[in-house]
C-alpha cells in the first residue's frame, strides 16, 4: 500500500506535469524529486515532518 501511495504522489507531482525528452532526463528529474520528497516535503502521516527528520530521530 505504501508503494502505491508513493507512486501516485510521484505521478501527480512529477511525471504527469513534465514532458521528458528521454530516459536520461526522466532519471535526473525523478532523482531531484526524490531528494525533495525525502528532505523538504512535509508528510501528514509523519506529523508534518520530512522522512529525513523522522529517520534521524531513530
C-alpha atoms as a PDB file:
ATOM      1  CA  UNK A   1       0.000   0.000   0.000  1.00  0.00           C
ATOM      2  CA  UNK A   2       2.836   2.424   0.800  1.00  0.00           C
ATOM      3  CA  UNK A   3       4.387   1.913  -2.624  1.00  0.00           C
ATOM      4  CA  UNK A   4       1.034   2.569  -4.315  1.00  0.00           C
ATOM      5  CA  UNK A   5       0.665   5.871  -2.466  1.00  0.00           C
ATOM      6  CA  UNK A   6       4.243   6.838  -3.230  1.00  0.00           C
ATOM      7  CA  UNK A   7       3.828   6.047  -6.922  1.00  0.00           C
ATOM      8  CA  UNK A   8       0.550   8.002  -7.101  1.00  0.00           C
ATOM      9  CA  UNK A   9       2.269  11.005  -5.498  1.00  0.00           C
ATOM     10  CA  UNK A  10       5.167  10.775  -7.948  1.00  0.00           C
ATOM     11  CA  UNK A  11       2.779  10.566 -10.879  1.00  0.00           C
ATOM     12  CA  UNK A  12       0.689  13.547  -9.777  1.00  0.00           C
ATOM     13  CA  UNK A  13       3.516  15.809  -8.640  1.00  0.00           C
ATOM     14  CA  UNK A  14       6.226  14.967 -11.163  1.00  0.00           C
ATOM     15  CA  UNK A  15       5.630  12.508 -14.004  1.00  0.00           C
ATOM     16  CA  UNK A  16       2.391  13.886 -15.440  1.00  0.00           C
ATOM     17  CA  UNK A  17       3.484  17.513 -15.144  1.00  0.00           C
ATOM     18  CA  UNK A  18       6.601  17.327 -17.316  1.00  0.00           C
ATOM     19  CA  UNK A  19       7.176  16.013 -20.806  1.00  0.00           C
ATOM     20  CA  UNK A  20      10.595  14.391 -20.581  1.00  0.00           C
ATOM     21  CA  UNK A  21      12.563  14.155 -23.830  1.00  0.00           C
ATOM     22  CA  UNK A  22      14.278  10.870 -22.989  1.00  0.00           C
ATOM     23  CA  UNK A  23      15.045   8.380 -20.236  1.00  0.00           C
ATOM     24  CA  UNK A  24      18.141  10.234 -19.034  1.00  0.00           C
ATOM     25  CA  UNK A  25      16.181  13.422 -18.461  1.00  0.00           C
ATOM     26  CA  UNK A  26      13.423  11.477 -16.672  1.00  0.00           C
ATOM     27  CA  UNK A  27      16.001   9.791 -14.418  1.00  0.00           C
ATOM     28  CA  UNK A  28      17.534  13.158 -13.491  1.00  0.00           C
ATOM     29  CA  UNK A  29      14.108  14.691 -12.879  1.00  0.00           C
ATOM     30  CA  UNK A  30      12.992  11.810 -10.658  1.00  0.00           C
ATOM     31  CA  UNK A  31      16.258  11.947  -8.709  1.00  0.00           C
ATOM     32  CA  UNK A  32      15.684  15.618  -7.997  1.00  0.00           C
ATOM     33  CA  UNK A  33      12.095  14.912  -6.980  1.00  0.00           C
ATOM     34  CA  UNK A  34      13.112  12.116  -4.576  1.00  0.00           C
ATOM     35  CA  UNK A  35      15.618  14.466  -2.903  1.00  0.00           C
ATOM     36  CA  UNK A  36      12.777  16.967  -2.450  1.00  0.00           C
ATOM     37  CA  UNK A  37      10.405  14.213  -1.244  1.00  0.00           C
ATOM     38  CA  UNK A  38      12.857  13.000   1.427  1.00  0.00           C
ATOM     39  CA  UNK A  39      14.303  16.281   2.612  1.00  0.00           C
ATOM     40  CA  UNK A  40      11.776  19.081   2.076  1.00  0.00           C
ATOM     41  CA  UNK A  41       8.233  17.749   1.609  1.00  0.00           C
ATOM     42  CA  UNK A  42       6.323  17.541   4.898  1.00  0.00           C
ATOM     43  CA  UNK A  43       4.173  14.417   5.289  1.00  0.00           C
ATOM     44  CA  UNK A  44       0.881  14.418   7.168  1.00  0.00           C
ATOM     45  CA  UNK A  45       1.345  10.814   8.322  1.00  0.00           C
ATOM     46  CA  UNK A  46       4.701  11.785   9.855  1.00  0.00           C
ATOM     47  CA  UNK A  47       3.313  14.670  11.879  1.00  0.00           C
ATOM     48  CA  UNK A  48       4.197  17.176   9.137  1.00  0.00           C
ATOM     49  CA  UNK A  49       7.859  16.254   9.312  1.00  0.00           C
ATOM     50  CA  UNK A  50      10.078  15.092   6.488  1.00  0.00           C
ATOM     51  CA  UNK A  51      11.153  11.451   6.160  1.00  0.00           C
ATOM     52  CA  UNK A  52      14.748  12.550   6.788  1.00  0.00           C
ATOM     53  CA  UNK A  53      13.760  14.132  10.112  1.00  0.00           C
ATOM     54  CA  UNK A  54      11.919  11.009  11.221  1.00  0.00           C
ATOM     55  CA  UNK A  55      14.789   8.757  10.195  1.00  0.00           C
ATOM     56  CA  UNK A  56      17.330  10.943  12.028  1.00  0.00           C
ATOM     57  CA  UNK A  57      15.349  10.513  15.263  1.00  0.00           C
ATOM     58  CA  UNK A  58      15.912   6.767  15.268  1.00  0.00           C
END
